[in-house]
Full PDB file with SEQRES, HELIX, SHEET, SSBOND, CRYST1, ORIGX, SCALE, CONECT and MASTER records, all heavy atoms in Angstrom:
SEQRES   1 A   35  PRO THR PRO GLU PRO THR ALA THR VAL ARG PRO ALA SER          
SEQRES   2 A   35  ALA GLY TRP VAL LYS TRP ALA LYS LYS TRP GLN ALA GLN          
SEQRES   3 A   35  ALA ARG ARG ALA ARG THR ARG LEU ALA                          
HELIX    1 AA1 ALA A   14  LEU A   34  1                                  21    
CRYST1    1.000    1.000    1.000  90.00  90.00  90.00 P 1           1          
ORIGX1      1.000000  0.000000  0.000000        0.00000                         
ORIGX2      0.000000  1.000000  0.000000        0.00000                         
ORIGX3      0.000000  0.000000  1.000000        0.00000                         
SCALE1      1.000000  0.000000  0.000000        0.00000                         
SCALE2      0.000000  1.000000  0.000000        0.00000                         
SCALE3      0.000000  0.000000  1.000000        0.00000                         
ATOM      1  N   PRO A   1     -10.740  34.051  -4.978  1.00  0.00           N  
ATOM      2  CA  PRO A   1     -10.258  33.787  -6.339  1.00  0.00           C  
ATOM      3  C   PRO A   1     -11.404  33.781  -7.343  1.00  0.00           C  
ATOM      4  O   PRO A   1     -12.524  33.409  -7.037  1.00  0.00           O  
ATOM      5  CB  PRO A   1      -9.633  32.388  -6.212  1.00  0.00           C  
ATOM      6  CG  PRO A   1     -10.320  31.778  -5.041  1.00  0.00           C  
ATOM      7  CD  PRO A   1     -10.608  32.908  -4.090  1.00  0.00           C  
ATOM      8  N   THR A   2     -11.090  34.157  -8.563  1.00  0.00           N  
ATOM      9  CA  THR A   2     -12.108  34.185  -9.622  1.00  0.00           C  
ATOM     10  C   THR A   2     -12.388  32.764 -10.090  1.00  0.00           C  
ATOM     11  O   THR A   2     -11.461  32.045 -10.480  1.00  0.00           O  
ATOM     12  CB  THR A   2     -11.607  35.021 -10.820  1.00  0.00           C  
ATOM     13  OG1 THR A   2     -11.268  36.322 -10.348  1.00  0.00           O  
ATOM     14  CG2 THR A   2     -12.677  35.093 -11.908  1.00  0.00           C  
ATOM     15  N   PRO A   3     -13.616  32.247 -10.031  1.00  0.00           N  
ATOM     16  CA  PRO A   3     -13.898  30.860 -10.428  1.00  0.00           C  
ATOM     17  C   PRO A   3     -13.666  30.646 -11.914  1.00  0.00           C  
ATOM     18  O   PRO A   3     -14.009  31.490 -12.747  1.00  0.00           O  
ATOM     19  CB  PRO A   3     -15.387  30.686 -10.077  1.00  0.00           C  
ATOM     20  CG  PRO A   3     -15.940  32.066 -10.090  1.00  0.00           C  
ATOM     21  CD  PRO A   3     -14.820  32.964  -9.636  1.00  0.00           C  
ATOM     22  N   GLU A   4     -13.024  29.492 -12.234  1.00  0.00           N  
ATOM     23  CA  GLU A   4     -12.764  29.167 -13.632  1.00  0.00           C  
ATOM     24  C   GLU A   4     -14.028  28.570 -14.261  1.00  0.00           C  
ATOM     25  O   GLU A   4     -14.742  27.796 -13.627  1.00  0.00           O  
ATOM     26  CB  GLU A   4     -11.625  28.157 -13.733  1.00  0.00           C  
ATOM     27  CG  GLU A   4     -10.292  28.713 -13.251  1.00  0.00           C  
ATOM     28  CD  GLU A   4      -9.178  27.692 -13.442  1.00  0.00           C  
ATOM     29  OE1 GLU A   4      -9.481  26.603 -13.977  1.00  0.00           O  
ATOM     30  OE2 GLU A   4      -8.040  27.990 -13.067  1.00  0.00           O  
ATOM     31  N   PRO A   5     -14.290  28.903 -15.483  1.00  0.00           N  
ATOM     32  CA  PRO A   5     -15.498  28.348 -16.135  1.00  0.00           C  
ATOM     33  C   PRO A   5     -15.352  26.848 -16.362  1.00  0.00           C  
ATOM     34  O   PRO A   5     -14.304  26.367 -16.789  1.00  0.00           O  
ATOM     35  CB  PRO A   5     -15.550  29.104 -17.473  1.00  0.00           C  
ATOM     36  CG  PRO A   5     -14.135  29.556 -17.712  1.00  0.00           C  
ATOM     37  CD  PRO A   5     -13.554  29.818 -16.348  1.00  0.00           C  
ATOM     38  N   THR A   6     -16.383  26.048 -16.026  1.00  0.00           N  
ATOM     39  CA  THR A   6     -16.359  24.592 -16.184  1.00  0.00           C  
ATOM     40  C   THR A   6     -16.916  24.220 -17.560  1.00  0.00           C  
ATOM     41  O   THR A   6     -17.903  24.780 -18.019  1.00  0.00           O  
ATOM     42  CB  THR A   6     -17.209  23.903 -15.109  1.00  0.00           C  
ATOM     43  OG1 THR A   6     -18.536  24.424 -15.165  1.00  0.00           O  
ATOM     44  CG2 THR A   6     -16.626  24.145 -13.726  1.00  0.00           C  
ATOM     45  N   ALA A   7     -16.251  23.231 -18.208  1.00  0.00           N  
ATOM     46  CA  ALA A   7     -16.686  22.789 -19.535  1.00  0.00           C  
ATOM     47  C   ALA A   7     -17.928  21.903 -19.401  1.00  0.00           C  
ATOM     48  O   ALA A   7     -17.969  21.005 -18.572  1.00  0.00           O  
ATOM     49  CB  ALA A   7     -15.561  22.015 -20.216  1.00  0.00           C  
ATOM     50  N   THR A   8     -18.916  22.119 -20.223  1.00  0.00           N  
ATOM     51  CA  THR A   8     -20.147  21.332 -20.205  1.00  0.00           C  
ATOM     52  C   THR A   8     -19.979  20.104 -21.106  1.00  0.00           C  
ATOM     53  O   THR A   8     -19.624  20.236 -22.283  1.00  0.00           O  
ATOM     54  CB  THR A   8     -21.332  22.175 -20.707  1.00  0.00           C  
ATOM     55  OG1 THR A   8     -21.439  23.348 -19.898  1.00  0.00           O  
ATOM     56  CG2 THR A   8     -22.625  21.381 -20.642  1.00  0.00           C  
ATOM     57  N   VAL A   9     -20.206  18.900 -20.550  1.00  0.00           N  
ATOM     58  CA  VAL A   9     -20.078  17.660 -21.313  1.00  0.00           C  
ATOM     59  C   VAL A   9     -21.395  17.385 -22.019  1.00  0.00           C  
ATOM     60  O   VAL A   9     -22.443  17.233 -21.382  1.00  0.00           O  
ATOM     61  CB  VAL A   9     -19.712  16.476 -20.391  1.00  0.00           C  
ATOM     62  CG1 VAL A   9     -19.628  15.186 -21.203  1.00  0.00           C  
ATOM     63  CG2 VAL A   9     -18.400  16.747 -19.683  1.00  0.00           C  
ATOM     64  N   ARG A  10     -21.348  17.306 -23.324  1.00  0.00           N  
ATOM     65  CA  ARG A  10     -22.561  17.041 -24.089  1.00  0.00           C  
ATOM     66  C   ARG A  10     -22.793  15.535 -24.160  1.00  0.00           C  
ATOM     67  O   ARG A  10     -21.872  14.767 -24.455  1.00  0.00           O  
ATOM     68  CB  ARG A  10     -22.429  17.607 -25.501  1.00  0.00           C  
ATOM     69  CG  ARG A  10     -22.352  19.120 -25.549  1.00  0.00           C  
ATOM     70  CD  ARG A  10     -22.310  19.602 -26.991  1.00  0.00           C  
ATOM     71  NE  ARG A  10     -23.501  19.193 -27.712  1.00  0.00           N  
ATOM     72  CZ  ARG A  10     -23.678  19.396 -29.012  1.00  0.00           C  
ATOM     73  NH1 ARG A  10     -22.728  19.991 -29.727  1.00  0.00           N  
ATOM     74  NH2 ARG A  10     -24.789  19.001 -29.610  1.00  0.00           N  
ATOM     75  N   PRO A  11     -24.009  15.057 -23.901  1.00  0.00           N  
ATOM     76  CA  PRO A  11     -24.296  13.623 -23.989  1.00  0.00           C  
ATOM     77  C   PRO A  11     -24.106  13.117 -25.421  1.00  0.00           C  
ATOM     78  O   PRO A  11     -24.229  13.868 -26.383  1.00  0.00           O  
ATOM     79  CB  PRO A  11     -25.764  13.519 -23.557  1.00  0.00           C  
ATOM     80  CG  PRO A  11     -26.053  14.799 -22.838  1.00  0.00           C  
ATOM     81  CD  PRO A  11     -25.182  15.831 -23.453  1.00  0.00           C  
ATOM     82  N   ALA A  12     -23.796  11.839 -25.534  1.00  0.00           N  
ATOM     83  CA  ALA A  12     -23.624  11.234 -26.853  1.00  0.00           C  
ATOM     84  C   ALA A  12     -24.946  11.245 -27.611  1.00  0.00           C  
ATOM     85  O   ALA A  12     -26.026  11.177 -27.011  1.00  0.00           O  
ATOM     86  CB  ALA A  12     -23.118   9.806 -26.709  1.00  0.00           C  
ATOM     87  N   SER A  13     -24.869  11.323 -28.916  1.00  0.00           N  
ATOM     88  CA  SER A  13     -26.082  11.304 -29.737  1.00  0.00           C  
ATOM     89  C   SER A  13     -26.704   9.911 -29.701  1.00  0.00           C  
ATOM     90  O   SER A  13     -26.049   8.912 -29.372  1.00  0.00           O  
ATOM     91  CB  SER A  13     -25.740  11.679 -31.182  1.00  0.00           C  
ATOM     92  OG  SER A  13     -24.898  10.686 -31.753  1.00  0.00           O  
ATOM     93  N   ALA A  14     -27.963   9.839 -30.068  1.00  0.00           N  
ATOM     94  CA  ALA A  14     -28.663   8.549 -30.082  1.00  0.00           C  
ATOM     95  C   ALA A  14     -28.014   7.574 -31.055  1.00  0.00           C  
ATOM     96  O   ALA A  14     -28.012   6.356 -30.836  1.00  0.00           O  
ATOM     97  CB  ALA A  14     -30.131   8.768 -30.448  1.00  0.00           C  
ATOM     98  N   GLY A  15     -27.438   8.105 -32.134  1.00  0.00           N  
ATOM     99  CA  GLY A  15     -26.777   7.247 -33.118  1.00  0.00           C  
ATOM    100  C   GLY A  15     -25.572   6.518 -32.547  1.00  0.00           C  
ATOM    101  O   GLY A  15     -25.391   5.319 -32.774  1.00  0.00           O  
ATOM    102  N   TRP A  16     -24.747   7.237 -31.780  1.00  0.00           N  
ATOM    103  CA  TRP A  16     -23.579   6.605 -31.173  1.00  0.00           C  
ATOM    104  C   TRP A  16     -23.983   5.573 -30.122  1.00  0.00           C  
ATOM    105  O   TRP A  16     -23.385   4.499 -30.024  1.00  0.00           O  
ATOM    106  CB  TRP A  16     -22.663   7.658 -30.548  1.00  0.00           C  
ATOM    107  CG  TRP A  16     -21.749   8.309 -31.524  1.00  0.00           C  
ATOM    108  CD1 TRP A  16     -21.713   9.631 -31.874  1.00  0.00           C  
ATOM    109  CD2 TRP A  16     -20.730   7.675 -32.308  1.00  0.00           C  
ATOM    110  NE1 TRP A  16     -20.754   9.862 -32.817  1.00  0.00           N  
ATOM    111  CE2 TRP A  16     -20.122   8.685 -33.100  1.00  0.00           C  
ATOM    112  CE3 TRP A  16     -20.267   6.373 -32.402  1.00  0.00           C  
ATOM    113  CZ2 TRP A  16     -19.083   8.413 -33.989  1.00  0.00           C  
ATOM    114  CZ3 TRP A  16     -19.226   6.090 -33.293  1.00  0.00           C  
ATOM    115  CH2 TRP A  16     -18.644   7.097 -34.074  1.00  0.00           C  
ATOM    116  N   VAL A  17     -24.992   5.889 -29.354  1.00  0.00           N  
ATOM    117  CA  VAL A  17     -25.459   4.944 -28.329  1.00  0.00           C  
ATOM    118  C   VAL A  17     -26.010   3.681 -28.991  1.00  0.00           C  
ATOM    119  O   VAL A  17     -25.724   2.557 -28.560  1.00  0.00           O  
ATOM    120  CB  VAL A  17     -26.537   5.607 -27.439  1.00  0.00           C  
ATOM    121  CG1 VAL A  17     -27.121   4.589 -26.469  1.00  0.00           C  
ATOM    122  CG2 VAL A  17     -25.942   6.789 -26.676  1.00  0.00           C  
ATOM    123  N   LYS A  18     -26.781   3.842 -30.059  1.00  0.00           N  
ATOM    124  CA  LYS A  18     -27.341   2.688 -30.772  1.00  0.00           C  
ATOM    125  C   LYS A  18     -26.236   1.829 -31.370  1.00  0.00           C  
ATOM    126  O   LYS A  18     -26.279   0.596 -31.303  1.00  0.00           O  
ATOM    127  CB  LYS A  18     -28.284   3.182 -31.865  1.00  0.00           C  
ATOM    128  CG  LYS A  18     -28.978   2.068 -32.632  1.00  0.00           C  
ATOM    129  CD  LYS A  18     -29.924   2.631 -33.686  1.00  0.00           C  
ATOM    130  CE  LYS A  18     -30.598   1.507 -34.475  1.00  0.00           C  
ATOM    131  NZ  LYS A  18     -31.520   2.054 -35.512  1.00  0.00           N  
ATOM    132  N   TRP A  19     -25.229   2.476 -31.959  1.00  0.00           N  
ATOM    133  CA  TRP A  19     -24.093   1.750 -32.539  1.00  0.00           C  
ATOM    134  C   TRP A  19     -23.352   0.937 -31.477  1.00  0.00           C  
ATOM    135  O   TRP A  19     -23.044  -0.242 -31.691  1.00  0.00           O  
ATOM    136  CB  TRP A  19     -23.142   2.744 -33.188  1.00  0.00           C  
ATOM    137  CG  TRP A  19     -21.852   2.137 -33.654  1.00  0.00           C  
ATOM    138  CD1 TRP A  19     -21.634   1.459 -34.823  1.00  0.00           C  
ATOM    139  CD2 TRP A  19     -20.599   2.139 -32.962  1.00  0.00           C  
ATOM    140  NE1 TRP A  19     -20.325   1.035 -34.889  1.00  0.00           N  
ATOM    141  CE2 TRP A  19     -19.666   1.442 -33.762  1.00  0.00           C  
ATOM    142  CE3 TRP A  19     -20.184   2.654 -31.742  1.00  0.00           C  
ATOM    143  CZ2 TRP A  19     -18.342   1.258 -33.377  1.00  0.00           C  
ATOM    144  CZ3 TRP A  19     -18.856   2.471 -31.354  1.00  0.00           C  
ATOM    145  CH2 TRP A  19     -17.951   1.788 -32.172  1.00  0.00           C  
ATOM    146  N   ALA A  20     -23.096   1.557 -30.331  1.00  0.00           N  
ATOM    147  CA  ALA A  20     -22.376   0.859 -29.265  1.00  0.00           C  
ATOM    148  C   ALA A  20     -23.192  -0.304 -28.710  1.00  0.00           C  
ATOM    149  O   ALA A  20     -22.671  -1.404 -28.484  1.00  0.00           O  
ATOM    150  CB  ALA A  20     -22.025   1.837 -28.147  1.00  0.00           C  
ATOM    151  N   LYS A  21     -24.496  -0.086 -28.516  1.00  0.00           N  
ATOM    152  CA  LYS A  21     -25.338  -1.140 -27.958  1.00  0.00           C  
ATOM    153  C   LYS A  21     -25.501  -2.316 -28.917  1.00  0.00           C  
ATOM    154  O   LYS A  21     -25.700  -3.456 -28.487  1.00  0.00           O  
ATOM    155  CB  LYS A  21     -26.698  -0.569 -27.562  1.00  0.00           C  
ATOM    156  CG  LYS A  21     -26.642   0.289 -26.303  1.00  0.00           C  
ATOM    157  CD  LYS A  21     -28.024   0.666 -25.813  1.00  0.00           C  
ATOM    158  CE  LYS A  21     -27.958   1.383 -24.471  1.00  0.00           C  
ATOM    159  NZ  LYS A  21     -29.303   1.713 -23.953  1.00  0.00           N  
ATOM    160  N   LYS A  22     -25.415  -2.040 -30.222  1.00  0.00           N  
ATOM    161  CA  LYS A  22     -25.466  -3.129 -31.200  1.00  0.00           C  
ATOM    162  C   LYS A  22     -24.288  -4.081 -30.983  1.00  0.00           C  
ATOM    163  O   LYS A  22     -24.454  -5.309 -30.968  1.00  0.00           O  
ATOM    164  CB  LYS A  22     -25.418  -2.562 -32.618  1.00  0.00           C  
ATOM    165  CG  LYS A  22     -25.428  -3.620 -33.717  1.00  0.00           C  
ATOM    166  CD  LYS A  22     -25.043  -3.044 -35.070  1.00  0.00           C  
ATOM    167  CE  LYS A  22     -23.552  -2.740 -35.137  1.00  0.00           C  
ATOM    168  NZ  LYS A  22     -23.123  -2.339 -36.489  1.00  0.00           N  
ATOM    169  N   TRP A  23     -23.090  -3.525 -30.783  1.00  0.00           N  
ATOM    170  CA  TRP A  23     -21.917  -4.361 -30.540  1.00  0.00           C  
ATOM    171  C   TRP A  23     -21.963  -5.009 -29.158  1.00  0.00           C  
ATOM    172  O   TRP A  23     -21.443  -6.108 -28.960  1.00  0.00           O  
ATOM    173  CB  TRP A  23     -20.644  -3.541 -30.723  1.00  0.00           C  
ATOM    174  CG  TRP A  23     -20.326  -3.302 -32.156  1.00  0.00           C  
ATOM    175  CD1 TRP A  23     -20.381  -2.126 -32.842  1.00  0.00           C  
ATOM    176  CD2 TRP A  23     -19.924  -4.304 -33.106  1.00  0.00           C  
ATOM    177  NE1 TRP A  23     -20.040  -2.314 -34.150  1.00  0.00           N  
ATOM    178  CE2 TRP A  23     -19.746  -3.636 -34.343  1.00  0.00           C  
ATOM    179  CE3 TRP A  23     -19.694  -5.668 -33.030  1.00  0.00           C  
ATOM    180  CZ2 TRP A  23     -19.350  -4.318 -35.504  1.00  0.00           C  
ATOM    181  CZ3 TRP A  23     -19.296  -6.344 -34.176  1.00  0.00           C  
ATOM    182  CH2 TRP A  23     -19.128  -5.681 -35.389  1.00  0.00           C  
ATOM    183  N   GLN A  24     -22.584  -4.339 -28.203  1.00  0.00           N  
ATOM    184  CA  GLN A  24     -22.749  -4.949 -26.885  1.00  0.00           C  
ATOM    185  C   GLN A  24     -23.601  -6.212 -26.988  1.00  0.00           C  
ATOM    186  O   GLN A  24     -23.273  -7.255 -26.397  1.00  0.00           O  
ATOM    187  CB  GLN A  24     -23.389  -3.960 -25.915  1.00  0.00           C  
ATOM    188  CG  GLN A  24     -23.526  -4.501 -24.499  1.00  0.00           C  
ATOM    189  CD  GLN A  24     -24.340  -3.577 -23.611  1.00  0.00           C  
ATOM    190  OE1 GLN A  24     -25.293  -2.948 -24.059  1.00  0.00           O  
ATOM    191  NE2 GLN A  24     -23.964  -3.471 -22.341  1.00  0.00           N  
ATOM    192  N   ALA A  25     -24.697  -6.143 -27.755  1.00  0.00           N  
ATOM    193  CA  ALA A  25     -25.567  -7.306 -27.931  1.00  0.00           C  
ATOM    194  C   ALA A  25     -24.839  -8.430 -28.650  1.00  0.00           C  
ATOM    195  O   ALA A  25     -24.955  -9.611 -28.272  1.00  0.00           O  
ATOM    196  CB  ALA A  25     -26.818  -6.904 -28.708  1.00  0.00           C  
ATOM    197  N   GLN A  26     -24.061  -8.090 -29.673  1.00  0.00           N  
ATOM    198  CA  GLN A  26     -23.304  -9.117 -30.390  1.00  0.00           C  
ATOM    199  C   GLN A  26     -22.247  -9.751 -29.493  1.00  0.00           C  
ATOM    200  O   GLN A  26     -22.009 -10.961 -29.560  1.00  0.00           O  
ATOM    201  CB  GLN A  26     -22.659  -8.524 -31.640  1.00  0.00           C  
ATOM    202  CG  GLN A  26     -23.642  -8.154 -32.734  1.00  0.00           C  
ATOM    203  CD  GLN A  26     -22.965  -7.918 -34.065  1.00  0.00           C  
ATOM    204  OE1 GLN A  26     -21.924  -8.504 -34.358  1.00  0.00           O  
ATOM    205  NE2 GLN A  26     -23.544  -7.056 -34.883  1.00  0.00           N  
ATOM    206  N   ALA A  27     -21.614  -8.940 -28.670  1.00  0.00           N  
ATOM    207  CA  ALA A  27     -20.605  -9.468 -27.754  1.00  0.00           C  
ATOM    208  C   ALA A  27     -21.242 -10.410 -26.731  1.00  0.00           C  
ATOM    209  O   ALA A  27     -20.656 -11.437 -26.375  1.00  0.00           O  
ATOM    210  CB  ALA A  27     -19.886  -8.320 -27.047  1.00  0.00           C  
ATOM    211  N   ARG A  28     -22.444 -10.081 -26.259  1.00  0.00           N  
ATOM    212  CA  ARG A  28     -23.132 -10.958 -25.310  1.00  0.00           C  
ATOM    213  C   ARG A  28     -23.452 -12.311 -25.940  1.00  0.00           C  
ATOM    214  O   ARG A  28     -23.256 -13.366 -25.324  1.00  0.00           O  
ATOM    215  CB  ARG A  28     -24.411 -10.294 -24.816  1.00  0.00           C  
ATOM    216  CG  ARG A  28     -24.184  -9.222 -23.766  1.00  0.00           C  
ATOM    217  CD  ARG A  28     -25.476  -8.513 -23.426  1.00  0.00           C  
ATOM    218  NE  ARG A  28     -25.293  -7.552 -22.341  1.00  0.00           N  
ATOM    219  CZ  ARG A  28     -26.176  -6.617 -22.019  1.00  0.00           C  
ATOM    220  NH1 ARG A  28     -27.315  -6.520 -22.704  1.00  0.00           N  
ATOM    221  NH2 ARG A  28     -25.941  -5.779 -21.025  1.00  0.00           N  
ATOM    222  N   ARG A  29     -23.963 -12.288 -27.180  1.00  0.00           N  
ATOM    223  CA  ARG A  29     -24.278 -13.546 -27.867  1.00  0.00           C  
ATOM    224  C   ARG A  29     -23.013 -14.359 -28.117  1.00  0.00           C  
ATOM    225  O   ARG A  29     -23.008 -15.589 -27.935  1.00  0.00           O  
ATOM    226  CB  ARG A  29     -24.999 -13.252 -29.192  1.00  0.00           C  
ATOM    227  CG  ARG A  29     -26.425 -12.751 -29.022  1.00  0.00           C  
ATOM    228  CD  ARG A  29     -27.184 -12.779 -30.331  1.00  0.00           C  
ATOM    229  NE  ARG A  29     -26.622 -11.855 -31.312  1.00  0.00           N  
ATOM    230  CZ  ARG A  29     -27.015 -10.597 -31.449  1.00  0.00           C  
ATOM    231  NH1 ARG A  29     -27.962 -10.096 -30.654  1.00  0.00           N  
ATOM    232  NH2 ARG A  29     -26.490  -9.814 -32.382  1.00  0.00           N  
ATOM    233  N   ALA A  30     -21.946 -13.677 -28.515  1.00  0.00           N  
ATOM    234  CA  ALA A  30     -20.686 -14.379 -28.765  1.00  0.00           C  
ATOM    235  C   ALA A  30     -20.132 -14.982 -27.480  1.00  0.00           C  
ATOM    236  O   ALA A  30     -19.600 -16.101 -27.488  1.00  0.00           O  
ATOM    237  CB  ALA A  30     -19.663 -13.421 -29.375  1.00  0.00           C  
ATOM    238  N   ARG A  31     -20.269 -14.258 -26.369  1.00  0.00           N  
ATOM    239  CA  ARG A  31     -19.786 -14.781 -25.089  1.00  0.00           C  
ATOM    240  C   ARG A  31     -20.585 -16.016 -24.664  1.00  0.00           C  
ATOM    241  O   ARG A  31     -20.015 -17.002 -24.181  1.00  0.00           O  
ATOM    242  CB  ARG A  31     -19.888 -13.708 -24.000  1.00  0.00           C  
ATOM    243  CG  ARG A  31     -19.305 -14.160 -22.662  1.00  0.00           C  
ATOM    244  CD  ARG A  31     -19.528 -13.131 -21.569  1.00  0.00           C  
ATOM    245  NE  ARG A  31     -18.885 -13.574 -20.343  1.00  0.00           N  
ATOM    246  CZ  ARG A  31     -19.404 -14.431 -19.489  1.00  0.00           C  
ATOM    247  NH1 ARG A  31     -20.625 -14.944 -19.715  1.00  0.00           N  
ATOM    248  NH2 ARG A  31     -18.742 -14.798 -18.396  1.00  0.00           N  
ATOM    249  N   THR A  32     -21.916 -15.965 -24.848  1.00  0.00           N  
ATOM    250  CA  THR A  32     -22.757 -17.106 -24.494  1.00  0.00           C  
ATOM    251  C   THR A  32     -22.375 -18.338 -25.303  1.00  0.00           C  
ATOM    252  O   THR A  32     -22.265 -19.448 -24.763  1.00  0.00           O  
ATOM    253  CB  THR A  32     -24.244 -16.768 -24.729  1.00  0.00           C  
ATOM    254  OG1 THR A  32     -24.595 -15.650 -23.907  1.00  0.00           O  
ATOM    255  CG2 THR A  32     -25.135 -17.945 -24.384  1.00  0.00           C  
ATOM    256  N   ARG A  33     -22.153 -18.157 -26.602  1.00  0.00           N  
ATOM    257  CA  ARG A  33     -21.782 -19.283 -27.462  1.00  0.00           C  
ATOM    258  C   ARG A  33     -20.413 -19.842 -27.085  1.00  0.00           C  
ATOM    259  O   ARG A  33     -20.225 -21.055 -26.970  1.00  0.00           O  
ATOM    260  CB  ARG A  33     -21.795 -18.835 -28.923  1.00  0.00           C  
ATOM    261  CG  ARG A  33     -21.479 -19.963 -29.920  1.00  0.00           C  
ATOM    262  CD  ARG A  33     -21.606 -19.456 -31.343  1.00  0.00           C  
ATOM    263  NE  ARG A  33     -21.228 -20.461 -32.326  1.00  0.00           N  
ATOM    264  CZ  ARG A  33     -22.043 -21.410 -32.786  1.00  0.00           C  
ATOM    265  NH1 ARG A  33     -23.292 -21.465 -32.359  1.00  0.00           N  
ATOM    266  NH2 ARG A  33     -21.623 -22.282 -33.686  1.00  0.00           N  
ATOM    267  N   LEU A  34     -19.446 -18.947 -26.873  1.00  0.00           N  
ATOM    268  CA  LEU A  34     -18.103 -19.402 -26.511  1.00  0.00           C  
ATOM    269  C   LEU A  34     -18.102 -20.094 -25.151  1.00  0.00           C  
ATOM    270  O   LEU A  34     -17.402 -21.085 -24.955  1.00  0.00           O  
ATOM    271  CB  LEU A  34     -17.130 -18.227 -26.507  1.00  0.00           C  
ATOM    272  CG  LEU A  34     -15.680 -18.565 -26.137  1.00  0.00           C  
ATOM    273  CD1 LEU A  34     -15.102 -19.608 -27.097  1.00  0.00           C  
ATOM    274  CD2 LEU A  34     -14.816 -17.300 -26.130  1.00  0.00           C  
ATOM    275  N   ALA A  35     -18.893 -19.576 -24.204  1.00  0.00           N  
ATOM    276  CA  ALA A  35     -18.983 -20.211 -22.888  1.00  0.00           C  
ATOM    277  C   ALA A  35     -19.508 -21.640 -23.014  1.00  0.00           C  
ATOM    278  O   ALA A  35     -19.022 -22.562 -22.342  1.00  0.00           O  
ATOM    279  CB  ALA A  35     -19.881 -19.395 -21.964  1.00  0.00           C  
TER     280      ALA A  35                                                      
MASTER        0    0    0    1    0    0    0    6  279    1    0    3          
END                                                                             
């Protein structure tokens, strides 16, 4: 059979990773305080 072309997944930009990690840090602090 003829192989189907596989889609290449592009990594997230540094901006999106930084944005997500900012909320991760805030969530950690909020969890510590609530605990």
